[in-house]
Each structure stands twice: as C-alpha cells, then as structure tokens.
Amino acid sequence: MTILVMLQETLLLFLVIGVGAFLSNREIIDSHTTKQLNDVLMKITLPCSLIASGNVTPGTAAKRDLLTIFLVFLVYYAGAILLTEGAARLMKLDRQHRAVFCSVAIFTNKAFIGIPILSALLGGNGGVVYAAITMMAFNIVFFTYGVTLFEEKSRFSWRQFLTPTNLATLVMTLLVVLELQLPAFPQKFFSLMGQVTTPLALLLVGAMLGKSNFLDVLRSRFLLLVSTVRLVVIPLIFLPFLLWMRLPYDQLMVCMVMACCPAATIVSVVAQREGVAPELTSQGVVHSTLLSMATMPFFVWLVNWLLLP
C-alpha cells in the first residue's frame, strides 16, 4: 500500500509538470508569464501556505518531541550543507553547477511527497505535525542559506531577510510554539490561497522543462551524481544518526521519509527568479523525483527491518 501511495503521488507530480511543459510548448506560458507567476508564488501563495501549516491542533504532539524533531533537522541541514559544499569545492564546480548541486541535493519535496506518504504509513495527525516541524526547519534554512546559492550577491542584510516568505515562516513558528490557532475565517483564507502553491510550482517546473529533451535529462552524468547524493548518500549518513538518537518509531520514520524525498520544486522557482541555471535545476528536480520511486520504498523497508520485530 505504501509503495502504491508513493507511485500515485509521483505520478500526480509528473502529470502537473507535463501540463506545464505542454503550456510552454504551445506558448500559452512564455518567459514573461513565468516570471509573473514566480512572483505570485513567492510573495503570495507560498507565505499563505506557510501560515496555514502553522495552525496545528494544541496537544497533538508534545512540545519536547516537536523541539527534538526541529533540532534533528537543523543538524541534518548542517551536515548536508557541509557535505555538498565540500564536494562542490573538491569537484571545482562553477557557480551555476554548485547552486544546482547543493540546492537539489539538500532540499527535499516534503509537502507534496513526504506528507502523503507519512499519512499512509502512520495514520492520524501526529506524523503530519512532526512533518510540519521539519518543514519549519526547511523554510528557515532554505530562505536564508538556500536562496543565496542563486543570488549574485549573497551578502546578508536585514532588509533582504524581511521577505514575505521569511515573515510567514516567523508567524508559522510562533503559531506552533505558542500553540495558537487562527480564527476560522482567516485560517480558511490562508489554506485556500496556500493550496495553489504546489500545483503552481509544478506548472512552473514543467514550463521551464518544456524545451528540454527528457532523454538527455536521464542520461546526464551530473544529474545522476546529484540524485545519488540526494537520494542515497545523505539518507545513508542520516540513518545512523537517527538510530543513535533512539527516537520513537513514528518520529524516526518521519525524519527518514522527509530526508529521502526527491528535490523540492521550490529550488526551480528560485533558480528561475534569479536567472541561475533554471533549466538544469528543473531537470535535477525531475531526475531525482523519477529515481525516488525506487529509493524511497527501499529506505522505508530498511527502517522497518531495523526497528520492527
């Protein structure tokens, strides 16, 4: 059943990407439209999605457990950044290839792939709440470190940090930590607007891939290397750390599934916005998503084999 869910979610992802590619080939979406939709996603729908995800039910999970998951994923990102930055330096990658290598290898598609799989694996709301905490760590790291990979000037300033996505991440964090819930009407508004984020991001990935040769994507040695680091190397390094932490089964499974997901579509959106290797980044997202159909079931099986009698 779990493998079937993974395949269904991956198929849905590719169908929406395919629609974006079709619209691009028919020139219904051109480069100007893509840029405008990028702005809508980054400034409106994504911040709404972040705020909506912070509206968890008080008491669903202990604060201590939530904090543990959050800290575990900060360690995950610190380790992944050190690994990929070191590898990029050893390989002497240029700026564009370094941006693609690090972003695709580090940041995973938690919302569209991870959460549906966890819902099927664990049931109830506990797994989803833990997943939301990993997404908080994702947003904090991505919108501080991740975006600098694609920016020409990566010098930090507070003005650059005060973006809609970062401010929404702060609101989401406060909602979860203080166990606050928005009134029904604004929560419904943020949820409704946030639901646009995933399909819009996937359409933009498809639009960026519309002129690409799919067979060239699969044959690319560079993309195979990136996907191997994303889907195999990092999870294999992360798993012993999780076992050493002695996390309960549900928390360990949440962490492992979120670490095994393919590359996040948002990296393609930022690459397009900044004009840094947008096509290659989108190809990396598609390549890792395709290969994850084999690697994710393996790691789910491995965790169950190690922990269950």
C-alpha atoms as a PDB file:
ATOM      1  CA  MET A   1       0.000   0.000   0.000  1.00  0.00           C
ATOM      2  CA  THR A   2       2.809   2.417   0.879  1.00  0.00           C
ATOM      3  CA  ILE A   3       4.609   1.819  -2.411  1.00  0.00           C
ATOM      4  CA  LEU A   4       1.316   2.359  -4.255  1.00  0.00           C
ATOM      5  CA  VAL A   5       0.837   5.695  -2.492  1.00  0.00           C
ATOM      6  CA  MET A   6       4.384   6.738  -3.434  1.00  0.00           C
ATOM      7  CA  LEU A   7       3.775   5.841  -7.072  1.00  0.00           C
ATOM      8  CA  GLN A   8       0.433   7.666  -7.140  1.00  0.00           C
ATOM      9  CA  GLU A   9       1.880  10.847  -5.640  1.00  0.00           C
ATOM     10  CA  THR A  10       4.849  10.760  -8.021  1.00  0.00           C
ATOM     11  CA  LEU A  11       2.545  10.203 -10.998  1.00  0.00           C
ATOM     12  CA  LEU A  12       0.423  13.189  -9.969  1.00  0.00           C
ATOM     13  CA  LEU A  13       3.565  15.303  -9.755  1.00  0.00           C
ATOM     14  CA  PHE A  14       4.640  14.335 -13.259  1.00  0.00           C
ATOM     15  CA  LEU A  15       1.163  14.911 -14.680  1.00  0.00           C
ATOM     16  CA  VAL A  16       1.118  18.502 -13.438  1.00  0.00           C
ATOM     17  CA  ILE A  17       4.691  19.037 -14.643  1.00  0.00           C
ATOM     18  CA  GLY A  18       3.574  17.650 -18.017  1.00  0.00           C
ATOM     19  CA  VAL A  19       0.741  20.176 -18.202  1.00  0.00           C
ATOM     20  CA  GLY A  20       3.267  22.959 -17.591  1.00  0.00           C
ATOM     21  CA  ALA A  21       5.516  21.614 -20.354  1.00  0.00           C
ATOM     22  CA  PHE A  22       2.535  21.416 -22.720  1.00  0.00           C
ATOM     23  CA  LEU A  23       1.553  25.023 -21.969  1.00  0.00           C
ATOM     24  CA  SER A  24       5.147  26.122 -22.566  1.00  0.00           C
ATOM     25  CA  ASN A  25       5.426  24.260 -25.881  1.00  0.00           C
ATOM     26  CA  ARG A  26       2.170  25.811 -27.059  1.00  0.00           C
ATOM     27  CA  GLU A  27       3.494  29.209 -25.882  1.00  0.00           C
ATOM     28  CA  ILE A  28       0.482  29.682 -23.632  1.00  0.00           C
ATOM     29  CA  ILE A  29       3.054  30.322 -20.882  1.00  0.00           C
ATOM     30  CA  ASP A  30       6.049  32.391 -22.044  1.00  0.00           C
ATOM     31  CA  SER A  31       9.075  33.706 -20.150  1.00  0.00           C
ATOM     32  CA  HIS A  32       7.260  36.897 -19.126  1.00  0.00           C
ATOM     33  CA  THR A  33       4.280  34.959 -17.760  1.00  0.00           C
ATOM     34  CA  THR A  34       6.620  32.580 -15.931  1.00  0.00           C
ATOM     35  CA  LYS A  35       8.317  35.479 -14.167  1.00  0.00           C
ATOM     36  CA  GLN A  36       4.973  36.942 -13.108  1.00  0.00           C
ATOM     37  CA  LEU A  37       3.754  33.587 -11.783  1.00  0.00           C
ATOM     38  CA  ASN A  38       7.023  33.217  -9.884  1.00  0.00           C
ATOM     39  CA  ASP A  39       6.301  36.485  -8.104  1.00  0.00           C
ATOM     40  CA  VAL A  40       2.762  35.362  -7.259  1.00  0.00           C
ATOM     41  CA  LEU A  41       4.076  32.105  -5.810  1.00  0.00           C
ATOM     42  CA  MET A  42       6.936  33.595  -3.780  1.00  0.00           C
ATOM     43  CA  LYS A  43       5.110  36.672  -2.497  1.00  0.00           C
ATOM     44  CA  ILE A  44       1.513  35.466  -2.068  1.00  0.00           C
ATOM     45  CA  THR A  45       0.662  31.770  -2.215  1.00  0.00           C
ATOM     46  CA  LEU A  46       3.764  30.336  -0.512  1.00  0.00           C
ATOM     47  CA  PRO A  47       3.558  32.710   2.509  1.00  0.00           C
ATOM     48  CA  CYS A  48      -0.139  31.834   2.857  1.00  0.00           C
ATOM     49  CA  SER A  49       0.732  28.127   2.766  1.00  0.00           C
ATOM     50  CA  LEU A  50       3.336  28.569   5.497  1.00  0.00           C
ATOM     51  CA  ILE A  51       0.947  30.401   7.812  1.00  0.00           C
ATOM     52  CA  ALA A  52      -1.784  27.829   7.230  1.00  0.00           C
ATOM     53  CA  SER A  53       0.581  24.951   8.077  1.00  0.00           C
ATOM     54  CA  GLY A  54       1.333  26.501  11.475  1.00  0.00           C
ATOM     55  CA  ASN A  55      -2.268  26.187  12.591  1.00  0.00           C
ATOM     56  CA  VAL A  56      -1.844  22.782  14.288  1.00  0.00           C
ATOM     57  CA  THR A  57      -4.127  21.396  16.976  1.00  0.00           C
ATOM     58  CA  PRO A  58      -2.757  22.023  20.501  1.00  0.00           C
ATOM     59  CA  GLY A  59      -1.781  18.824  22.273  1.00  0.00           C
ATOM     60  CA  THR A  60      -1.381  16.794  19.079  1.00  0.00           C
ATOM     61  CA  ALA A  61       2.285  16.253  19.908  1.00  0.00           C
ATOM     62  CA  ALA A  62       4.382  17.108  22.948  1.00  0.00           C
ATOM     63  CA  LYS A  63       6.411  20.306  22.693  1.00  0.00           C
ATOM     64  CA  ARG A  64       9.544  18.400  23.663  1.00  0.00           C
ATOM     65  CA  ASP A  65       9.058  15.984  20.772  1.00  0.00           C
ATOM     66  CA  LEU A  66       8.446  18.837  18.352  1.00  0.00           C
ATOM     67  CA  LEU A  67      11.593  20.583  19.522  1.00  0.00           C
ATOM     68  CA  THR A  68      13.578  17.354  19.159  1.00  0.00           C
ATOM     69  CA  ILE A  69      12.452  16.871  15.551  1.00  0.00           C
ATOM     70  CA  PHE A  70      13.219  20.506  14.782  1.00  0.00           C
ATOM     71  CA  LEU A  71      16.745  20.255  16.205  1.00  0.00           C
ATOM     72  CA  VAL A  72      17.357  16.927  14.441  1.00  0.00           C
ATOM     73  CA  PHE A  73      16.603  18.572  11.120  1.00  0.00           C
ATOM     74  CA  LEU A  74      18.781  21.550  11.852  1.00  0.00           C
ATOM     75  CA  VAL A  75      21.594  19.010  12.352  1.00  0.00           C
ATOM     76  CA  TYR A  76      20.539  17.319   9.100  1.00  0.00           C
ATOM     77  CA  TYR A  77      20.803  20.573   7.165  1.00  0.00           C
ATOM     78  CA  ALA A  78      24.110  21.498   8.779  1.00  0.00           C
ATOM     79  CA  GLY A  79      25.571  18.106   7.801  1.00  0.00           C
ATOM     80  CA  ALA A  80      24.101  18.205   4.283  1.00  0.00           C
ATOM     81  CA  ILE A  81      25.464  21.701   3.684  1.00  0.00           C
ATOM     82  CA  LEU A  82      28.953  20.717   4.851  1.00  0.00           C
ATOM     83  CA  LEU A  83      28.884  17.584   2.694  1.00  0.00           C
ATOM     84  CA  THR A  84      27.633  19.211  -0.516  1.00  0.00           C
ATOM     85  CA  GLU A  85      29.685  22.388  -0.209  1.00  0.00           C
ATOM     86  CA  GLY A  86      32.800  20.300   0.415  1.00  0.00           C
ATOM     87  CA  ALA A  87      32.038  18.039  -2.548  1.00  0.00           C
ATOM     88  CA  ALA A  88      31.339  21.043  -4.802  1.00  0.00           C
ATOM     89  CA  ARG A  89      34.673  22.553  -3.842  1.00  0.00           C
ATOM     90  CA  LEU A  90      36.538  19.284  -4.469  1.00  0.00           C
ATOM     91  CA  MET A  91      34.889  18.955  -7.891  1.00  0.00           C
ATOM     92  CA  LYS A  92      35.675  22.634  -8.619  1.00  0.00           C
ATOM     93  CA  LEU A  93      32.130  23.322  -9.812  1.00  0.00           C
ATOM     94  CA  ASP A  94      31.358  26.713 -11.297  1.00  0.00           C
ATOM     95  CA  ARG A  95      28.744  28.959  -9.654  1.00  0.00           C
ATOM     96  CA  GLN A  96      25.764  27.614 -11.593  1.00  0.00           C
ATOM     97  CA  HIS A  97      26.604  23.927 -11.165  1.00  0.00           C
ATOM     98  CA  ARG A  98      27.387  24.498  -7.473  1.00  0.00           C
ATOM     99  CA  ALA A  99      23.961  26.114  -6.998  1.00  0.00           C
ATOM    100  CA  VAL A 100      22.220  23.174  -8.680  1.00  0.00           C
ATOM    101  CA  PHE A 101      24.289  20.522  -6.901  1.00  0.00           C
ATOM    102  CA  CYS A 102      23.838  21.941  -3.401  1.00  0.00           C
ATOM    103  CA  SER A 103      20.187  23.004  -3.665  1.00  0.00           C
ATOM    104  CA  VAL A 104      18.902  19.822  -5.313  1.00  0.00           C
ATOM    105  CA  ALA A 105      20.932  17.554  -3.000  1.00  0.00           C
ATOM    106  CA  ILE A 106      19.972  19.321   0.246  1.00  0.00           C
ATOM    107  CA  PHE A 107      16.337  20.432  -0.013  1.00  0.00           C
ATOM    108  CA  THR A 108      13.561  17.848  -0.340  1.00  0.00           C
ATOM    109  CA  ASN A 109       9.949  17.870  -1.502  1.00  0.00           C
ATOM    110  CA  LYS A 110       8.360  17.423   1.919  1.00  0.00           C
ATOM    111  CA  ALA A 111       4.908  18.850   1.233  1.00  0.00           C
ATOM    112  CA  PHE A 112       3.935  17.076  -1.985  1.00  0.00           C
ATOM    113  CA  ILE A 113       5.697  13.737  -1.481  1.00  0.00           C
ATOM    114  CA  GLY A 114       6.586  13.379   2.202  1.00  0.00           C
ATOM    115  CA  ILE A 115       3.326  14.240   3.944  1.00  0.00           C
ATOM    116  CA  PRO A 116       1.020  11.978   1.843  1.00  0.00           C
ATOM    117  CA  ILE A 117       3.391   9.043   2.367  1.00  0.00           C
ATOM    118  CA  LEU A 118       3.563   9.658   6.123  1.00  0.00           C
ATOM    119  CA  SER A 119      -0.220   9.883   6.321  1.00  0.00           C
ATOM    120  CA  ALA A 120      -0.435   6.441   4.737  1.00  0.00           C
ATOM    121  CA  LEU A 121       2.365   4.986   6.868  1.00  0.00           C
ATOM    122  CA  LEU A 122       1.467   6.338  10.300  1.00  0.00           C
ATOM    123  CA  GLY A 123      -2.159   7.467  10.083  1.00  0.00           C
ATOM    124  CA  GLY A 124      -3.665  10.123  12.359  1.00  0.00           C
ATOM    125  CA  ASN A 125      -2.303  13.654  12.722  1.00  0.00           C
ATOM    126  CA  GLY A 126       0.866  13.033  14.735  1.00  0.00           C
ATOM    127  CA  GLY A 127       3.047  12.261  11.733  1.00  0.00           C
ATOM    128  CA  VAL A 128       1.764  15.301   9.860  1.00  0.00           C
ATOM    129  CA  VAL A 129       2.521  17.582  12.812  1.00  0.00           C
ATOM    130  CA  TYR A 130       6.068  16.238  13.044  1.00  0.00           C
ATOM    131  CA  ALA A 131       6.359  16.720   9.281  1.00  0.00           C
ATOM    132  CA  ALA A 132       5.263  20.341   9.661  1.00  0.00           C
ATOM    133  CA  ILE A 133       8.106  20.863  12.122  1.00  0.00           C
ATOM    134  CA  THR A 134      10.615  19.540   9.582  1.00  0.00           C
ATOM    135  CA  MET A 135       9.130  21.981   7.079  1.00  0.00           C
ATOM    136  CA  MET A 136       9.768  24.805   9.533  1.00  0.00           C
ATOM    137  CA  ALA A 137      13.444  23.846   9.615  1.00  0.00           C
ATOM    138  CA  PHE A 138      13.372  23.620   5.807  1.00  0.00           C
ATOM    139  CA  ASN A 139      11.975  27.134   5.431  1.00  0.00           C
ATOM    140  CA  ILE A 140      14.396  28.690   7.885  1.00  0.00           C
ATOM    141  CA  VAL A 141      17.425  27.117   6.177  1.00  0.00           C
ATOM    142  CA  PHE A 142      16.206  27.462   2.591  1.00  0.00           C
ATOM    143  CA  PHE A 143      15.165  31.096   2.776  1.00  0.00           C
ATOM    144  CA  THR A 144      18.427  32.076   4.459  1.00  0.00           C
ATOM    145  CA  TYR A 145      21.117  29.779   3.027  1.00  0.00           C
ATOM    146  CA  GLY A 146      19.328  28.166   0.072  1.00  0.00           C
ATOM    147  CA  VAL A 147      18.381  31.327  -1.803  1.00  0.00           C
ATOM    148  CA  THR A 148      21.936  32.679  -1.528  1.00  0.00           C
ATOM    149  CA  LEU A 149      23.095  29.827  -3.761  1.00  0.00           C
ATOM    150  CA  PHE A 150      21.279  31.515  -6.640  1.00  0.00           C
ATOM    151  CA  GLU A 151      21.782  35.156  -5.709  1.00  0.00           C
ATOM    152  CA  GLU A 152      24.606  37.073  -7.345  1.00  0.00           C
ATOM    153  CA  LYS A 153      25.276  38.965  -4.123  1.00  0.00           C
ATOM    154  CA  SER A 154      24.968  36.742  -1.063  1.00  0.00           C
ATOM    155  CA  ARG A 155      25.980  39.401   1.485  1.00  0.00           C
ATOM    156  CA  PHE A 156      23.486  39.286   4.357  1.00  0.00           C
ATOM    157  CA  SER A 157      21.336  42.270   5.261  1.00  0.00           C
ATOM    158  CA  TRP A 158      18.250  42.517   7.421  1.00  0.00           C
ATOM    159  CA  ARG A 159      16.323  44.176   4.608  1.00  0.00           C
ATOM    160  CA  GLN A 160      16.902  41.158   2.360  1.00  0.00           C
ATOM    161  CA  PHE A 161      15.778  38.865   5.157  1.00  0.00           C
ATOM    162  CA  LEU A 162      12.419  40.643   5.589  1.00  0.00           C
ATOM    163  CA  THR A 163      10.755  38.887   2.667  1.00  0.00           C
ATOM    164  CA  PRO A 164       7.143  37.617   2.633  1.00  0.00           C
ATOM    165  CA  THR A 165       8.353  34.001   2.931  1.00  0.00           C
ATOM    166  CA  ASN A 166      10.629  34.689   5.889  1.00  0.00           C
ATOM    167  CA  LEU A 167       7.985  36.726   7.697  1.00  0.00           C
ATOM    168  CA  ALA A 168       5.435  33.949   7.096  1.00  0.00           C
ATOM    169  CA  THR A 169       7.934  31.403   8.461  1.00  0.00           C
ATOM    170  CA  LEU A 170       8.249  33.505  11.636  1.00  0.00           C
ATOM    171  CA  VAL A 171       4.450  33.629  12.029  1.00  0.00           C
ATOM    172  CA  MET A 172       4.210  29.863  11.459  1.00  0.00           C
ATOM    173  CA  THR A 173       6.882  29.213  14.096  1.00  0.00           C
ATOM    174  CA  LEU A 174       5.100  31.372  16.667  1.00  0.00           C
ATOM    175  CA  LEU A 175       1.761  29.667  15.974  1.00  0.00           C
ATOM    176  CA  VAL A 176       3.233  26.214  16.593  1.00  0.00           C
ATOM    177  CA  VAL A 177       5.433  27.046  19.579  1.00  0.00           C
ATOM    178  CA  LEU A 178       2.745  29.077  21.390  1.00  0.00           C
ATOM    179  CA  GLU A 179       0.004  26.603  20.341  1.00  0.00           C
ATOM    180  CA  LEU A 180      -2.072  29.415  18.886  1.00  0.00           C
ATOM    181  CA  GLN A 181      -4.852  28.882  16.386  1.00  0.00           C
ATOM    182  CA  LEU A 182      -6.113  31.405  13.882  1.00  0.00           C
ATOM    183  CA  PRO A 183      -9.849  32.175  13.792  1.00  0.00           C
ATOM    184  CA  ALA A 184     -11.735  30.022  11.324  1.00  0.00           C
ATOM    185  CA  PHE A 185     -12.188  32.638   8.598  1.00  0.00           C
ATOM    186  CA  PRO A 186      -8.540  33.772   8.190  1.00  0.00           C
ATOM    187  CA  GLN A 187      -7.378  30.151   8.507  1.00  0.00           C
ATOM    188  CA  LYS A 188      -9.699  29.174   5.673  1.00  0.00           C
ATOM    189  CA  PHE A 189      -8.380  32.075   3.579  1.00  0.00           C
ATOM    190  CA  PHE A 190      -4.713  31.170   4.133  1.00  0.00           C
ATOM    191  CA  SER A 191      -5.427  27.485   3.474  1.00  0.00           C
ATOM    192  CA  LEU A 192      -7.298  28.282   0.254  1.00  0.00           C
ATOM    193  CA  MET A 193      -4.527  30.533  -1.042  1.00  0.00           C
ATOM    194  CA  GLY A 194      -1.840  28.090   0.095  1.00  0.00           C
ATOM    195  CA  GLN A 195      -3.395  25.219  -1.845  1.00  0.00           C
ATOM    196  CA  VAL A 196      -2.368  26.997  -5.047  1.00  0.00           C
ATOM    197  CA  THR A 197       1.335  26.755  -4.168  1.00  0.00           C
ATOM    198  CA  THR A 198       2.114  23.141  -5.070  1.00  0.00           C
ATOM    199  CA  PRO A 199       0.331  22.957  -8.457  1.00  0.00           C
ATOM    200  CA  LEU A 200       1.637  26.408  -9.400  1.00  0.00           C
ATOM    201  CA  ALA A 201       5.218  25.431  -8.539  1.00  0.00           C
ATOM    202  CA  LEU A 202       4.879  22.200 -10.544  1.00  0.00           C
ATOM    203  CA  LEU A 203       3.434  24.048 -13.542  1.00  0.00           C
ATOM    204  CA  LEU A 204       6.418  26.404 -13.440  1.00  0.00           C
ATOM    205  CA  VAL A 205       8.823  23.445 -13.332  1.00  0.00           C
ATOM    206  CA  GLY A 206       7.061  21.994 -16.367  1.00  0.00           C
ATOM    207  CA  ALA A 207       7.181  25.329 -18.181  1.00  0.00           C
ATOM    208  CA  MET A 208      10.934  25.514 -17.584  1.00  0.00           C
ATOM    209  CA  LEU A 209      11.323  21.933 -18.868  1.00  0.00           C
ATOM    210  CA  GLY A 210       9.097  22.468 -21.887  1.00  0.00           C
ATOM    211  CA  LYS A 211      12.006  22.922 -24.271  1.00  0.00           C
ATOM    212  CA  SER A 212      14.201  20.194 -22.737  1.00  0.00           C
ATOM    213  CA  ASN A 213      14.961  16.734 -24.092  1.00  0.00           C
ATOM    214  CA  PHE A 214      13.760  14.256 -21.450  1.00  0.00           C
ATOM    215  CA  LEU A 215      16.180  11.532 -22.577  1.00  0.00           C
ATOM    216  CA  ASP A 216      19.075  13.960 -22.149  1.00  0.00           C
ATOM    217  CA  VAL A 217      17.872  14.550 -18.587  1.00  0.00           C
ATOM    218  CA  LEU A 218      18.020  10.831 -17.793  1.00  0.00           C
ATOM    219  CA  ARG A 219      21.433  10.377 -19.435  1.00  0.00           C
ATOM    220  CA  SER A 220      23.105  13.310 -17.691  1.00  0.00           C
ATOM    221  CA  ARG A 221      26.032  12.129 -15.538  1.00  0.00           C
ATOM    222  CA  PHE A 222      25.945  15.332 -13.498  1.00  0.00           C
ATOM    223  CA  LEU A 223      22.246  14.897 -12.657  1.00  0.00           C
ATOM    224  CA  LEU A 224      22.825  11.218 -11.829  1.00  0.00           C
ATOM    225  CA  LEU A 225      25.519  12.311  -9.374  1.00  0.00           C
ATOM    226  CA  VAL A 226      23.242  14.921  -7.801  1.00  0.00           C
ATOM    227  CA  SER A 227      20.341  12.461  -7.480  1.00  0.00           C
ATOM    228  CA  THR A 228      22.616   9.818  -5.955  1.00  0.00           C
ATOM    229  CA  VAL A 229      23.772  12.249  -3.279  1.00  0.00           C
ATOM    230  CA  ARG A 230      20.183  13.403  -2.658  1.00  0.00           C
ATOM    231  CA  LEU A 231      18.510  10.005  -2.579  1.00  0.00           C
ATOM    232  CA  VAL A 232      21.200   7.596  -1.352  1.00  0.00           C
ATOM    233  CA  VAL A 233      24.282   9.189   0.184  1.00  0.00           C
ATOM    234  CA  ILE A 234      22.609  11.707   2.502  1.00  0.00           C
ATOM    235  CA  PRO A 235      19.909   9.276   3.772  1.00  0.00           C
ATOM    236  CA  LEU A 236      22.549   6.601   4.414  1.00  0.00           C
ATOM    237  CA  ILE A 237      24.563   9.059   6.508  1.00  0.00           C
ATOM    238  CA  PHE A 238      21.458  10.385   8.273  1.00  0.00           C
ATOM    239  CA  LEU A 239      20.022   6.995   9.293  1.00  0.00           C
ATOM    240  CA  PRO A 240      22.800   6.005  11.776  1.00  0.00           C
ATOM    241  CA  PHE A 241      22.436   9.422  13.426  1.00  0.00           C
ATOM    242  CA  LEU A 242      18.689   8.835  13.852  1.00  0.00           C
ATOM    243  CA  LEU A 243      19.306   5.375  15.301  1.00  0.00           C
ATOM    244  CA  TRP A 244      21.866   6.849  17.712  1.00  0.00           C
ATOM    245  CA  MET A 245      19.238   9.415  18.823  1.00  0.00           C
ATOM    246  CA  ARG A 246      16.954   6.499  19.820  1.00  0.00           C
ATOM    247  CA  LEU A 247      13.868   8.251  18.508  1.00  0.00           C
ATOM    248  CA  PRO A 248      10.486   6.506  18.760  1.00  0.00           C
ATOM    249  CA  TYR A 249       9.417   4.646  15.636  1.00  0.00           C
ATOM    250  CA  ASP A 250       6.970   7.292  14.377  1.00  0.00           C
ATOM    251  CA  GLN A 251       9.434  10.152  14.836  1.00  0.00           C
ATOM    252  CA  LEU A 252      12.266   8.229  13.193  1.00  0.00           C
ATOM    253  CA  MET A 253      10.050   7.296  10.261  1.00  0.00           C
ATOM    254  CA  VAL A 254       9.006  10.925   9.810  1.00  0.00           C
ATOM    255  CA  CYS A 255      12.638  12.053   9.778  1.00  0.00           C
ATOM    256  CA  MET A 256      13.706   9.302   7.392  1.00  0.00           C
ATOM    257  CA  VAL A 257      10.884   9.783   4.898  1.00  0.00           C
ATOM    258  CA  MET A 258      11.444  13.539   4.847  1.00  0.00           C
ATOM    259  CA  ALA A 259      15.171  13.010   4.267  1.00  0.00           C
ATOM    260  CA  CYS A 260      14.535  10.545   1.408  1.00  0.00           C
ATOM    261  CA  CYS A 261      12.166  12.712  -0.638  1.00  0.00           C
ATOM    262  CA  PRO A 262      13.252  13.952  -4.071  1.00  0.00           C
ATOM    263  CA  ALA A 263      14.366  17.523  -4.639  1.00  0.00           C
ATOM    264  CA  ALA A 264      11.988  20.340  -3.726  1.00  0.00           C
ATOM    265  CA  THR A 265      10.264  22.106  -6.619  1.00  0.00           C
ATOM    266  CA  ILE A 266      10.803  25.464  -4.932  1.00  0.00           C
ATOM    267  CA  VAL A 267      14.506  25.372  -5.865  1.00  0.00           C
ATOM    268  CA  SER A 268      13.481  25.568  -9.526  1.00  0.00           C
ATOM    269  CA  VAL A 269      11.265  28.548  -8.793  1.00  0.00           C
ATOM    270  CA  VAL A 270      14.108  30.457  -7.123  1.00  0.00           C
ATOM    271  CA  ALA A 271      16.517  29.480  -9.912  1.00  0.00           C
ATOM    272  CA  GLN A 272      14.072  30.895 -12.457  1.00  0.00           C
ATOM    273  CA  ARG A 273      13.574  34.077 -10.454  1.00  0.00           C
ATOM    274  CA  GLU A 274      17.313  34.709 -10.175  1.00  0.00           C
ATOM    275  CA  GLY A 275      18.151  33.518 -13.690  1.00  0.00           C
ATOM    276  CA  VAL A 276      20.754  30.993 -12.468  1.00  0.00           C
ATOM    277  CA  ALA A 277      20.620  27.624 -14.296  1.00  0.00           C
ATOM    278  CA  PRO A 278      16.788  27.397 -14.206  1.00  0.00           C
ATOM    279  CA  GLU A 279      16.580  24.614 -16.810  1.00  0.00           C
ATOM    280  CA  LEU A 280      19.296  22.482 -15.201  1.00  0.00           C
ATOM    281  CA  THR A 281      17.730  22.946 -11.752  1.00  0.00           C
ATOM    282  CA  SER A 282      14.331  21.861 -13.060  1.00  0.00           C
ATOM    283  CA  GLN A 283      15.939  18.849 -14.705  1.00  0.00           C
ATOM    284  CA  GLY A 284      17.509  17.961 -11.357  1.00  0.00           C
ATOM    285  CA  VAL A 285      14.086  18.052  -9.676  1.00  0.00           C
ATOM    286  CA  VAL A 286      12.570  15.755 -12.308  1.00  0.00           C
ATOM    287  CA  HIS A 287      15.562  13.387 -12.323  1.00  0.00           C
ATOM    288  CA  SER A 288      15.550  12.929  -8.541  1.00  0.00           C
ATOM    289  CA  THR A 289      11.772  12.502  -8.473  1.00  0.00           C
ATOM    290  CA  LEU A 290      11.929   9.695 -11.023  1.00  0.00           C
ATOM    291  CA  LEU A 291      14.691   7.798  -9.197  1.00  0.00           C
ATOM    292  CA  SER A 292      12.989   8.278  -5.816  1.00  0.00           C
ATOM    293  CA  MET A 293      10.320   5.799  -6.931  1.00  0.00           C
ATOM    294  CA  ALA A 294      12.938   3.108  -6.223  1.00  0.00           C
ATOM    295  CA  THR A 295      14.960   4.602  -3.368  1.00  0.00           C
ATOM    296  CA  MET A 296      12.156   5.734  -1.045  1.00  0.00           C
ATOM    297  CA  PRO A 297      10.484   2.307  -0.753  1.00  0.00           C
ATOM    298  CA  PHE A 298      13.907   0.804  -0.016  1.00  0.00           C
ATOM    299  CA  PHE A 299      14.580   3.133   2.923  1.00  0.00           C
ATOM    300  CA  VAL A 300      11.060   2.648   4.311  1.00  0.00           C
ATOM    301  CA  TRP A 301      11.660  -1.113   4.180  1.00  0.00           C
ATOM    302  CA  LEU A 302      15.108  -0.694   5.776  1.00  0.00           C
ATOM    303  CA  VAL A 303      13.733   1.287   8.744  1.00  0.00           C
ATOM    304  CA  ASN A 304      11.003  -1.277   9.313  1.00  0.00           C
ATOM    305  CA  TRP A 305      13.513  -4.129   9.061  1.00  0.00           C
ATOM    306  CA  LEU A 306      15.799  -2.471  11.614  1.00  0.00           C
ATOM    307  CA  LEU A 307      13.131  -1.468  14.130  1.00  0.00           C
ATOM    308  CA  LEU A 308      10.176  -3.787  13.886  1.00  0.00           C
ATOM    309  CA  PRO A 309      10.227  -7.385  15.162  1.00  0.00           C
END
